[in-house]
Amino acid sequence: MNQVQSIPEPLDEARAKTDQVQRDLEVASAELGLAHGALERHLPPKDRNNDVAWAIRQNAALERKVQQAADELEQVTELLEQAQQQAAAGGATGAP
């Protein structure tokens, strides 16, 4: 019986960690978006050259990457939830 109860614990921990990382990524994406918007609004186009122009483009690219990572992590969280439900169902029926 102890073995059946230990199966969901790692799933619980993994799901909690993915939830936290997903929230962190979503906040980071929003903050990158705000920073990018501020640069676009407050930096005159004549000053957006060389390194500054590159930094603005990189900021936008990083915002997209962070958002994509958050979306993918959401899918992982859903898979963990399904595995957790399956483990709980198996434990409730006494199946290994």
C-alpha atoms as a PDB file:
ATOM      1  CA  MET A   1       0.000   0.000   0.000  1.00  0.00           C
ATOM      2  CA  ASN A   2       2.867   2.380   0.744  1.00  0.00           C
ATOM      3  CA  GLN A   3       4.216   1.839  -2.775  1.00  0.00           C
ATOM      4  CA  VAL A   4       0.896   2.870  -4.359  1.00  0.00           C
ATOM      5  CA  GLN A   5       0.783   6.067  -2.284  1.00  0.00           C
ATOM      6  CA  SER A   6       4.353   7.020  -3.251  1.00  0.00           C
ATOM      7  CA  ILE A   7       3.565   7.035  -6.987  1.00  0.00           C
ATOM      8  CA  PRO A   8       1.545  10.282  -7.034  1.00  0.00           C
ATOM      9  CA  GLU A   9       3.957  12.177  -4.751  1.00  0.00           C
ATOM     10  CA  PRO A  10       6.621  12.734  -7.442  1.00  0.00           C
ATOM     11  CA  LEU A  11       3.839  13.671  -9.850  1.00  0.00           C
ATOM     12  CA  ASP A  12       2.463  16.161  -7.331  1.00  0.00           C
ATOM     13  CA  GLU A  13       5.905  17.687  -6.893  1.00  0.00           C
ATOM     14  CA  ALA A  14       6.581  17.779 -10.651  1.00  0.00           C
ATOM     15  CA  ARG A  15       3.218  19.382 -11.321  1.00  0.00           C
ATOM     16  CA  ALA A  16       3.725  21.995  -8.611  1.00  0.00           C
ATOM     17  CA  LYS A  17       7.156  22.855  -9.993  1.00  0.00           C
ATOM     18  CA  THR A  18       5.906  23.103 -13.574  1.00  0.00           C
ATOM     19  CA  ASP A  19       3.038  25.319 -12.416  1.00  0.00           C
ATOM     20  CA  GLN A  20       5.508  27.647 -10.675  1.00  0.00           C
ATOM     21  CA  VAL A  21       7.913  27.723 -13.624  1.00  0.00           C
ATOM     22  CA  GLN A  22       5.022  28.415 -15.985  1.00  0.00           C
ATOM     23  CA  ARG A  23       3.882  31.357 -13.854  1.00  0.00           C
ATOM     24  CA  ASP A  24       7.463  32.661 -13.716  1.00  0.00           C
ATOM     25  CA  LEU A  25       7.778  32.405 -17.494  1.00  0.00           C
ATOM     26  CA  GLU A  26       4.482  34.190 -18.033  1.00  0.00           C
ATOM     27  CA  VAL A  27       5.592  37.029 -15.745  1.00  0.00           C
ATOM     28  CA  ALA A  28       8.957  37.221 -17.534  1.00  0.00           C
ATOM     29  CA  SER A  29       7.206  37.341 -20.903  1.00  0.00           C
ATOM     30  CA  ALA A  30       4.937  40.142 -19.725  1.00  0.00           C
ATOM     31  CA  GLU A  31       7.893  42.078 -18.313  1.00  0.00           C
ATOM     32  CA  LEU A  32       9.817  41.667 -21.571  1.00  0.00           C
ATOM     33  CA  GLY A  33       6.765  42.911 -23.438  1.00  0.00           C
ATOM     34  CA  LEU A  34       6.541  45.965 -21.206  1.00  0.00           C
ATOM     35  CA  ALA A  35      10.249  46.688 -21.620  1.00  0.00           C
ATOM     36  CA  HIS A  36       9.994  46.290 -25.386  1.00  0.00           C
ATOM     37  CA  GLY A  37       6.982  48.590 -25.523  1.00  0.00           C
ATOM     38  CA  ALA A  38       8.745  51.217 -23.447  1.00  0.00           C
ATOM     39  CA  LEU A  39      11.772  51.120 -25.721  1.00  0.00           C
ATOM     40  CA  GLU A  40       9.604  51.408 -28.808  1.00  0.00           C
ATOM     41  CA  ARG A  41       7.566  54.311 -27.381  1.00  0.00           C
ATOM     42  CA  HIS A  42      10.293  56.349 -25.739  1.00  0.00           C
ATOM     43  CA  LEU A  43      13.313  55.842 -27.935  1.00  0.00           C
ATOM     44  CA  PRO A  44      13.229  58.038 -31.043  1.00  0.00           C
ATOM     45  CA  PRO A  45      13.702  56.123 -34.298  1.00  0.00           C
ATOM     46  CA  LYS A  46      16.858  58.143 -35.058  1.00  0.00           C
ATOM     47  CA  ASP A  47      18.442  56.674 -31.897  1.00  0.00           C
ATOM     48  CA  ARG A  48      17.569  53.083 -32.753  1.00  0.00           C
ATOM     49  CA  ASN A  49      20.706  52.053 -34.581  1.00  0.00           C
ATOM     50  CA  ASN A  50      23.499  49.540 -34.216  1.00  0.00           C
ATOM     51  CA  ASP A  51      23.523  47.967 -30.742  1.00  0.00           C
ATOM     52  CA  VAL A  52      20.295  49.661 -29.655  1.00  0.00           C
ATOM     53  CA  ALA A  53      18.410  48.386 -32.702  1.00  0.00           C
ATOM     54  CA  TRP A  54      19.840  44.920 -32.108  1.00  0.00           C
ATOM     55  CA  ALA A  55      18.794  45.024 -28.430  1.00  0.00           C
ATOM     56  CA  ILE A  56      15.246  46.002 -29.357  1.00  0.00           C
ATOM     57  CA  ARG A  57      15.010  43.139 -31.867  1.00  0.00           C
ATOM     58  CA  GLN A  58      16.511  40.697 -29.345  1.00  0.00           C
ATOM     59  CA  ASN A  59      14.059  41.809 -26.683  1.00  0.00           C
ATOM     60  CA  ALA A  60      11.128  41.071 -29.013  1.00  0.00           C
ATOM     61  CA  ALA A  61      12.608  37.698 -29.995  1.00  0.00           C
ATOM     62  CA  LEU A  62      13.183  36.757 -26.360  1.00  0.00           C
ATOM     63  CA  GLU A  63       9.634  37.732 -25.482  1.00  0.00           C
ATOM     64  CA  ARG A  64       8.340  35.302 -28.136  1.00  0.00           C
ATOM     65  CA  LYS A  65      10.676  32.517 -26.950  1.00  0.00           C
ATOM     66  CA  VAL A  66       9.679  32.927 -23.313  1.00  0.00           C
ATOM     67  CA  GLN A  67       5.988  32.882 -24.241  1.00  0.00           C
ATOM     68  CA  GLN A  68       6.525  29.759 -26.358  1.00  0.00           C
ATOM     69  CA  ALA A  69       8.295  28.063 -23.442  1.00  0.00           C
ATOM     70  CA  ALA A  70       5.383  28.955 -21.153  1.00  0.00           C
ATOM     71  CA  ASP A  71       2.925  27.498 -23.669  1.00  0.00           C
ATOM     72  CA  GLU A  72       4.940  24.279 -23.967  1.00  0.00           C
ATOM     73  CA  LEU A  73       5.230  24.017 -20.207  1.00  0.00           C
ATOM     74  CA  GLU A  74       1.460  24.324 -19.961  1.00  0.00           C
ATOM     75  CA  GLN A  75       1.208  21.222 -22.160  1.00  0.00           C
ATOM     76  CA  VAL A  76       3.656  19.392 -19.876  1.00  0.00           C
ATOM     77  CA  THR A  77       1.571  20.410 -16.861  1.00  0.00           C
ATOM     78  CA  GLU A  78      -1.539  18.975 -18.520  1.00  0.00           C
ATOM     79  CA  LEU A  79       0.297  15.706 -19.232  1.00  0.00           C
ATOM     80  CA  LEU A  80       1.427  15.522 -15.606  1.00  0.00           C
ATOM     81  CA  GLU A  81      -2.141  16.091 -14.484  1.00  0.00           C
ATOM     82  CA  GLN A  82      -3.314  13.234 -16.698  1.00  0.00           C
ATOM     83  CA  ALA A  83      -0.579  10.954 -15.330  1.00  0.00           C
ATOM     84  CA  GLN A  84      -1.513  11.971 -11.809  1.00  0.00           C
ATOM     85  CA  GLN A  85      -5.167  11.119 -12.439  1.00  0.00           C
ATOM     86  CA  GLN A  86      -4.205   7.775 -13.973  1.00  0.00           C
ATOM     87  CA  ALA A  87      -1.944   6.967 -11.011  1.00  0.00           C
ATOM     88  CA  ALA A  88      -4.719   7.887  -8.592  1.00  0.00           C
ATOM     89  CA  ALA A  89      -7.224   5.768 -10.504  1.00  0.00           C
ATOM     90  CA  GLY A  90      -4.812   2.845 -10.492  1.00  0.00           C
ATOM     91  CA  GLY A  91      -4.248   3.270  -6.756  1.00  0.00           C
ATOM     92  CA  ALA A  92      -7.974   3.443  -6.076  1.00  0.00           C
ATOM     93  CA  THR A  93      -8.646   0.187  -7.899  1.00  0.00           C
ATOM     94  CA  GLY A  94      -5.644  -1.548  -6.429  1.00  0.00           C
ATOM     95  CA  ALA A  95      -4.032  -1.997  -9.848  1.00  0.00           C
ATOM     96  CA  PRO A  96      -0.217  -1.776  -9.979  1.00  0.00           C
END
